[in-house]
Amino acid sequence: MFLIALLPFQVQKIEINGKLLFVEIADDDNKRALGLMYRKYLPDSMGMLFIFDSAGIYPFWMKNTYIPLSIAFIDENFTIIDILDLEPLDERPIFPLKKFKYALEVNRNWFKKNNIKVGDKVKIGH
């Protein structure tokens, strides 16, 4: 658990359909590998934005992750291309069939509660 203290995440504000979310930024290999591991709670107004150097198909899994999450995969144009649910502690890889540059993890059903769907645009840093 000491890794969390060694890898401070920058927090940034994003907006989707007028809904604000504060996200921790995972923009390097170490931060992306750690993700939301070992946490027991995630405030509903928070999430984690994974940023990759280039668009691709990158697997996600829930090793050591205890919170039920939903993930939105976002392309280079900041358009949501897929939304999937993740099961706590499930180590099977999941990924969309299209390339993406960003992935946004939030509490399970946050997208549904906020009426956010595939095709919606994400505003980062506004």
N, C-alpha and C. Protein backbone atom coordinates (compact mmCIF):
# COMPACT_ATOMS: atom_id res chain seq x y z
N MET A 1 0.81 -1.18 0.00
CA MET A 1 0.00 0.00 0.00
C MET A 1 0.86 1.26 0.00
N PHE A 2 2.13 1.15 0.33
CA PHE A 2 3.00 2.31 0.37
C PHE A 2 3.19 2.92 -1.02
N LEU A 3 2.91 2.20 -2.09
CA LEU A 3 3.06 2.72 -3.44
C LEU A 3 2.19 3.95 -3.67
N ILE A 4 1.02 3.98 -3.06
CA ILE A 4 0.12 5.09 -3.25
C ILE A 4 0.80 6.39 -2.82
N ALA A 5 1.50 6.38 -1.73
CA ALA A 5 2.19 7.58 -1.25
C ALA A 5 3.35 7.96 -2.17
N LEU A 6 3.96 6.97 -2.82
CA LEU A 6 5.10 7.24 -3.69
C LEU A 6 4.67 7.76 -5.06
N LEU A 7 3.41 7.54 -5.42
CA LEU A 7 2.93 7.95 -6.73
C LEU A 7 1.78 8.93 -6.59
N PRO A 8 2.08 10.18 -6.26
CA PRO A 8 0.98 11.14 -6.12
C PRO A 8 0.35 11.40 -7.47
N PHE A 9 -0.97 11.34 -7.50
CA PHE A 9 -1.70 11.56 -8.74
C PHE A 9 -2.13 13.02 -8.82
N GLN A 10 -1.89 13.65 -9.95
CA GLN A 10 -2.41 14.98 -10.22
C GLN A 10 -3.93 14.86 -10.37
N VAL A 11 -4.68 15.84 -9.89
CA VAL A 11 -6.14 15.84 -10.02
C VAL A 11 -6.54 16.93 -11.01
N GLN A 12 -7.44 16.57 -11.90
CA GLN A 12 -7.92 17.50 -12.91
C GLN A 12 -9.43 17.41 -13.01
N LYS A 13 -10.05 18.50 -13.43
CA LYS A 13 -11.50 18.53 -13.59
C LYS A 13 -11.84 18.18 -15.04
N ILE A 14 -12.85 17.32 -15.23
CA ILE A 14 -13.37 17.05 -16.56
C ILE A 14 -14.88 17.25 -16.53
N GLU A 15 -15.46 17.36 -17.72
CA GLU A 15 -16.90 17.57 -17.83
C GLU A 15 -17.45 16.69 -18.95
N ILE A 16 -18.57 16.04 -18.66
CA ILE A 16 -19.28 15.25 -19.67
C ILE A 16 -20.76 15.62 -19.54
N ASN A 17 -21.34 16.14 -20.63
CA ASN A 17 -22.76 16.52 -20.63
C ASN A 17 -23.13 17.42 -19.45
N GLY A 18 -22.24 18.34 -19.10
CA GLY A 18 -22.53 19.26 -18.01
C GLY A 18 -22.27 18.70 -16.62
N LYS A 19 -21.88 17.45 -16.52
CA LYS A 19 -21.56 16.82 -15.22
C LYS A 19 -20.07 16.95 -14.96
N LEU A 20 -19.72 17.52 -13.80
CA LEU A 20 -18.31 17.68 -13.44
C LEU A 20 -17.82 16.45 -12.68
N LEU A 21 -16.57 16.13 -12.92
CA LEU A 21 -15.93 15.01 -12.25
C LEU A 21 -14.49 15.40 -12.01
N PHE A 22 -13.98 15.11 -10.82
CA PHE A 22 -12.58 15.35 -10.51
C PHE A 22 -11.86 14.02 -10.66
N VAL A 23 -10.84 14.01 -11.52
CA VAL A 23 -10.16 12.75 -11.83
C VAL A 23 -8.69 12.81 -11.47
N GLU A 24 -8.20 11.71 -10.95
CA GLU A 24 -6.77 11.54 -10.76
C GLU A 24 -6.21 11.11 -12.12
N ILE A 25 -5.07 11.64 -12.47
CA ILE A 25 -4.48 11.39 -13.78
C ILE A 25 -3.43 10.28 -13.68
N ALA A 26 -3.64 9.22 -14.46
CA ALA A 26 -2.68 8.12 -14.55
C ALA A 26 -2.08 8.18 -15.96
N ASP A 27 -0.92 8.85 -16.07
CA ASP A 27 -0.36 9.12 -17.39
C ASP A 27 1.03 8.55 -17.62
N ASP A 28 1.44 7.63 -16.76
CA ASP A 28 2.69 6.91 -17.03
C ASP A 28 2.49 5.44 -16.63
N ASP A 29 3.44 4.60 -16.99
CA ASP A 29 3.28 3.16 -16.78
C ASP A 29 3.03 2.80 -15.32
N ASN A 30 3.76 3.44 -14.40
CA ASN A 30 3.60 3.11 -12.97
C ASN A 30 2.23 3.50 -12.45
N LYS A 31 1.78 4.70 -12.81
CA LYS A 31 0.47 5.16 -12.35
C LYS A 31 -0.65 4.34 -12.99
N ARG A 32 -0.51 4.02 -14.27
CA ARG A 32 -1.53 3.21 -14.93
C ARG A 32 -1.58 1.81 -14.32
N ALA A 33 -0.43 1.25 -13.97
CA ALA A 33 -0.40 -0.10 -13.37
C ALA A 33 -1.05 -0.09 -11.99
N LEU A 34 -0.84 0.96 -11.21
CA LEU A 34 -1.42 1.05 -9.87
C LEU A 34 -2.91 1.34 -9.93
N GLY A 35 -3.29 2.28 -10.77
CA GLY A 35 -4.71 2.62 -10.92
C GLY A 35 -5.38 2.84 -9.58
N LEU A 36 -6.54 2.24 -9.41
CA LEU A 36 -7.32 2.38 -8.17
C LEU A 36 -7.14 1.18 -7.23
N MET A 37 -6.04 0.46 -7.38
CA MET A 37 -5.78 -0.70 -6.52
C MET A 37 -5.77 -0.31 -5.04
N TYR A 38 -6.17 -1.24 -4.22
CA TYR A 38 -6.09 -1.20 -2.74
C TYR A 38 -7.07 -0.23 -2.09
N ARG A 39 -7.83 0.50 -2.85
CA ARG A 39 -8.75 1.45 -2.25
C ARG A 39 -10.07 0.76 -1.88
N LYS A 40 -10.65 1.25 -0.82
CA LYS A 40 -11.93 0.70 -0.35
C LYS A 40 -13.09 1.62 -0.68
N TYR A 41 -12.78 2.87 -1.10
CA TYR A 41 -13.82 3.86 -1.31
C TYR A 41 -13.39 4.84 -2.39
N LEU A 42 -14.34 5.27 -3.21
CA LEU A 42 -14.11 6.30 -4.21
C LEU A 42 -15.29 7.27 -4.13
N PRO A 43 -15.05 8.55 -3.80
CA PRO A 43 -16.16 9.50 -3.76
C PRO A 43 -16.88 9.54 -5.10
N ASP A 44 -18.19 9.77 -5.09
CA ASP A 44 -18.98 9.74 -6.32
C ASP A 44 -18.59 10.85 -7.29
N SER A 45 -17.96 11.90 -6.80
CA SER A 45 -17.56 13.01 -7.66
C SER A 45 -16.13 12.83 -8.20
N MET A 46 -15.55 11.63 -7.98
CA MET A 46 -14.17 11.39 -8.39
C MET A 46 -14.05 10.17 -9.29
N GLY A 47 -12.94 10.13 -10.00
CA GLY A 47 -12.63 9.00 -10.86
C GLY A 47 -11.15 9.00 -11.16
N MET A 48 -10.76 8.14 -12.10
CA MET A 48 -9.37 8.11 -12.55
C MET A 48 -9.37 8.11 -14.06
N LEU A 49 -8.56 9.01 -14.64
CA LEU A 49 -8.41 9.11 -16.08
C LEU A 49 -7.06 8.56 -16.47
N PHE A 50 -7.08 7.48 -17.24
CA PHE A 50 -5.86 6.87 -17.76
C PHE A 50 -5.57 7.51 -19.11
N ILE A 51 -4.36 8.02 -19.27
CA ILE A 51 -3.96 8.67 -20.51
C ILE A 51 -2.80 7.89 -21.11
N PHE A 52 -2.95 7.50 -22.36
CA PHE A 52 -1.91 6.75 -23.07
C PHE A 52 -1.22 7.66 -24.08
N ASP A 53 0.03 7.33 -24.39
CA ASP A 53 0.80 8.16 -25.31
C ASP A 53 0.21 8.17 -26.72
N SER A 54 -0.39 7.07 -27.12
CA SER A 54 -1.01 6.98 -28.44
C SER A 54 -2.23 6.07 -28.36
N ALA A 55 -3.11 6.21 -29.33
CA ALA A 55 -4.31 5.38 -29.37
C ALA A 55 -3.91 3.92 -29.60
N GLY A 56 -4.61 3.03 -28.92
CA GLY A 56 -4.35 1.60 -29.06
C GLY A 56 -5.44 0.83 -28.34
N ILE A 57 -5.24 -0.46 -28.23
CA ILE A 57 -6.16 -1.30 -27.47
C ILE A 57 -5.37 -1.86 -26.30
N TYR A 58 -5.67 -1.35 -25.11
CA TYR A 58 -4.95 -1.70 -23.89
C TYR A 58 -5.90 -2.43 -22.95
N PRO A 59 -5.47 -3.56 -22.38
CA PRO A 59 -6.35 -4.30 -21.48
C PRO A 59 -6.44 -3.66 -20.09
N PHE A 60 -7.58 -3.82 -19.46
CA PHE A 60 -7.81 -3.39 -18.07
C PHE A 60 -8.29 -4.60 -17.29
N TRP A 61 -7.94 -4.66 -16.01
CA TRP A 61 -8.41 -5.71 -15.12
C TRP A 61 -8.48 -5.13 -13.72
N MET A 62 -8.98 -5.92 -12.78
CA MET A 62 -9.28 -5.40 -11.44
C MET A 62 -8.44 -6.04 -10.34
N LYS A 63 -7.23 -6.42 -10.65
CA LYS A 63 -6.35 -7.00 -9.64
C LYS A 63 -6.22 -6.04 -8.46
N ASN A 64 -6.46 -6.55 -7.26
CA ASN A 64 -6.35 -5.77 -6.01
C ASN A 64 -7.25 -4.52 -6.00
N THR A 65 -8.31 -4.54 -6.76
CA THR A 65 -9.24 -3.40 -6.81
C THR A 65 -10.56 -3.86 -6.22
N TYR A 66 -10.98 -3.21 -5.14
CA TYR A 66 -12.11 -3.67 -4.33
C TYR A 66 -13.42 -2.94 -4.64
N ILE A 67 -13.35 -1.85 -5.40
CA ILE A 67 -14.52 -1.02 -5.66
C ILE A 67 -15.16 -1.46 -6.97
N PRO A 68 -16.48 -1.68 -7.03
CA PRO A 68 -17.13 -1.96 -8.32
C PRO A 68 -17.05 -0.69 -9.19
N LEU A 69 -16.55 -0.84 -10.40
CA LEU A 69 -16.31 0.31 -11.27
C LEU A 69 -17.00 0.15 -12.61
N SER A 70 -17.18 1.28 -13.28
CA SER A 70 -17.52 1.32 -14.70
C SER A 70 -16.38 2.05 -15.38
N ILE A 71 -16.13 1.69 -16.64
CA ILE A 71 -15.04 2.31 -17.39
C ILE A 71 -15.56 2.77 -18.74
N ALA A 72 -15.19 3.99 -19.10
CA ALA A 72 -15.50 4.53 -20.42
C ALA A 72 -14.20 4.61 -21.20
N PHE A 73 -14.22 4.06 -22.39
CA PHE A 73 -13.07 4.17 -23.28
C PHE A 73 -13.32 5.34 -24.22
N ILE A 74 -12.30 6.21 -24.38
CA ILE A 74 -12.46 7.49 -25.06
C ILE A 74 -11.40 7.60 -26.16
N ASP A 75 -11.83 7.98 -27.36
CA ASP A 75 -10.89 8.05 -28.47
C ASP A 75 -10.13 9.38 -28.48
N GLU A 76 -9.28 9.56 -29.50
CA GLU A 76 -8.44 10.76 -29.60
C GLU A 76 -9.25 12.04 -29.78
N ASN A 77 -10.50 11.91 -30.22
CA ASN A 77 -11.38 13.07 -30.40
C ASN A 77 -12.22 13.34 -29.16
N PHE A 78 -11.90 12.67 -28.05
CA PHE A 78 -12.59 12.83 -26.76
C PHE A 78 -14.04 12.34 -26.81
N THR A 79 -14.30 11.36 -27.68
CA THR A 79 -15.63 10.76 -27.80
C THR A 79 -15.62 9.41 -27.09
N ILE A 80 -16.63 9.15 -26.27
CA ILE A 80 -16.75 7.85 -25.60
C ILE A 80 -17.12 6.80 -26.64
N ILE A 81 -16.29 5.75 -26.74
CA ILE A 81 -16.54 4.70 -27.74
C ILE A 81 -17.11 3.43 -27.12
N ASP A 82 -17.00 3.28 -25.80
CA ASP A 82 -17.56 2.10 -25.14
C ASP A 82 -17.61 2.36 -23.64
N ILE A 83 -18.57 1.74 -22.97
CA ILE A 83 -18.67 1.80 -21.51
C ILE A 83 -18.91 0.38 -21.03
N LEU A 84 -18.08 -0.09 -20.09
CA LEU A 84 -18.18 -1.45 -19.57
C LEU A 84 -18.16 -1.41 -18.04
N ASP A 85 -18.73 -2.43 -17.43
CA ASP A 85 -18.68 -2.57 -15.97
C ASP A 85 -17.55 -3.53 -15.61
N LEU A 86 -16.90 -3.26 -14.49
CA LEU A 86 -15.80 -4.08 -13.99
C LEU A 86 -16.19 -4.68 -12.65
N GLU A 87 -15.83 -5.93 -12.43
CA GLU A 87 -16.11 -6.62 -11.18
C GLU A 87 -14.90 -6.54 -10.25
N PRO A 88 -15.11 -6.24 -8.97
CA PRO A 88 -13.99 -6.19 -8.03
C PRO A 88 -13.18 -7.49 -8.07
N LEU A 89 -11.87 -7.34 -8.05
CA LEU A 89 -10.89 -8.43 -7.96
C LEU A 89 -10.87 -9.36 -9.17
N ASP A 90 -11.59 -9.03 -10.24
CA ASP A 90 -11.62 -9.87 -11.45
C ASP A 90 -10.37 -9.57 -12.28
N GLU A 91 -9.53 -10.56 -12.47
CA GLU A 91 -8.28 -10.35 -13.19
C GLU A 91 -8.36 -10.67 -14.68
N ARG A 92 -9.56 -10.99 -15.16
CA ARG A 92 -9.71 -11.21 -16.61
C ARG A 92 -9.62 -9.87 -17.32
N PRO A 93 -8.83 -9.78 -18.39
CA PRO A 93 -8.69 -8.51 -19.10
C PRO A 93 -9.96 -8.16 -19.88
N ILE A 94 -10.29 -6.87 -19.87
CA ILE A 94 -11.38 -6.36 -20.70
C ILE A 94 -10.85 -5.19 -21.52
N PHE A 95 -11.44 -4.98 -22.68
CA PHE A 95 -11.04 -3.88 -23.55
C PHE A 95 -12.09 -3.75 -24.65
N PRO A 96 -12.19 -2.56 -25.24
CA PRO A 96 -13.12 -2.39 -26.35
C PRO A 96 -12.49 -2.94 -27.64
N LEU A 97 -13.27 -3.00 -28.68
CA LEU A 97 -12.76 -3.52 -29.95
C LEU A 97 -12.13 -2.43 -30.81
N LYS A 98 -12.29 -1.16 -30.40
CA LYS A 98 -11.70 -0.04 -31.14
C LYS A 98 -10.56 0.57 -30.33
N LYS A 99 -9.67 1.25 -31.04
CA LYS A 99 -8.56 1.94 -30.37
C LYS A 99 -9.08 3.10 -29.53
N PHE A 100 -8.40 3.34 -28.41
CA PHE A 100 -8.74 4.46 -27.54
C PHE A 100 -7.45 5.08 -27.02
N LYS A 101 -7.54 6.32 -26.58
CA LYS A 101 -6.38 7.02 -26.01
C LYS A 101 -6.55 7.28 -24.52
N TYR A 102 -7.82 7.31 -24.06
CA TYR A 102 -8.14 7.60 -22.66
C TYR A 102 -9.11 6.54 -22.14
N ALA A 103 -9.03 6.30 -20.84
CA ALA A 103 -10.00 5.42 -20.18
C ALA A 103 -10.36 6.10 -18.86
N LEU A 104 -11.65 6.15 -18.58
CA LEU A 104 -12.14 6.83 -17.39
C LEU A 104 -12.85 5.83 -16.49
N GLU A 105 -12.28 5.60 -15.29
CA GLU A 105 -12.90 4.72 -14.31
C GLU A 105 -13.63 5.54 -13.26
N VAL A 106 -14.86 5.13 -12.98
CA VAL A 106 -15.71 5.78 -11.97
C VAL A 106 -16.46 4.69 -11.21
N ASN A 107 -17.15 5.09 -10.16
CA ASN A 107 -17.99 4.13 -9.44
C ASN A 107 -19.00 3.50 -10.40
N ARG A 108 -19.30 2.23 -10.17
CA ARG A 108 -20.26 1.53 -11.01
C ARG A 108 -21.56 2.31 -11.09
N ASN A 109 -22.12 2.40 -12.26
CA ASN A 109 -23.39 3.07 -12.58
C ASN A 109 -23.31 4.60 -12.60
N TRP A 110 -22.13 5.21 -12.39
CA TRP A 110 -22.04 6.66 -12.46
C TRP A 110 -22.48 7.17 -13.83
N PHE A 111 -22.06 6.49 -14.89
CA PHE A 111 -22.44 6.92 -16.24
C PHE A 111 -23.96 6.83 -16.41
N LYS A 112 -24.56 5.73 -15.97
CA LYS A 112 -26.02 5.57 -16.09
C LYS A 112 -26.76 6.64 -15.29
N LYS A 113 -26.33 6.87 -14.04
CA LYS A 113 -26.99 7.87 -13.19
C LYS A 113 -26.93 9.27 -13.78
N ASN A 114 -25.89 9.53 -14.55
CA ASN A 114 -25.69 10.86 -15.12
C ASN A 114 -26.05 10.92 -16.60
N ASN A 115 -26.72 9.87 -17.08
CA ASN A 115 -27.20 9.81 -18.47
C ASN A 115 -26.07 10.04 -19.49
N ILE A 116 -24.93 9.42 -19.24
CA ILE A 116 -23.77 9.53 -20.13
C ILE A 116 -23.66 8.23 -20.92
N LYS A 117 -23.52 8.38 -22.25
CA LYS A 117 -23.58 7.22 -23.14
C LYS A 117 -22.45 7.25 -24.17
N VAL A 118 -22.32 6.13 -24.88
CA VAL A 118 -21.40 6.06 -26.01
C VAL A 118 -21.78 7.17 -27.00
N GLY A 119 -20.78 7.87 -27.51
CA GLY A 119 -20.99 8.98 -28.44
C GLY A 119 -20.88 10.34 -27.78
N ASP A 120 -20.98 10.38 -26.45
CA ASP A 120 -20.86 11.65 -25.73
C ASP A 120 -19.41 12.13 -25.75
N LYS A 121 -19.23 13.45 -25.67
CA LYS A 121 -17.90 14.07 -25.66
C LYS A 121 -17.44 14.36 -24.25
N VAL A 122 -16.14 14.23 -24.03
CA VAL A 122 -15.52 14.51 -22.75
C VAL A 122 -14.67 15.77 -22.90
N LYS A 123 -14.87 16.73 -21.98
CA LYS A 123 -14.06 17.95 -21.95
C LYS A 123 -13.06 17.80 -20.82
N ILE A 124 -11.79 17.81 -21.17
CA ILE A 124 -10.73 17.62 -20.19
C ILE A 124 -10.07 18.95 -19.89
N GLY A 125 -9.96 19.28 -18.59
CA GLY A 125 -9.26 20.49 -18.17
C GLY A 125 -10.01 21.77 -18.40
N HIS A 126 -11.34 21.72 -18.39
CA HIS A 126 -12.14 22.94 -18.59
C HIS A 126 -12.74 23.40 -17.29
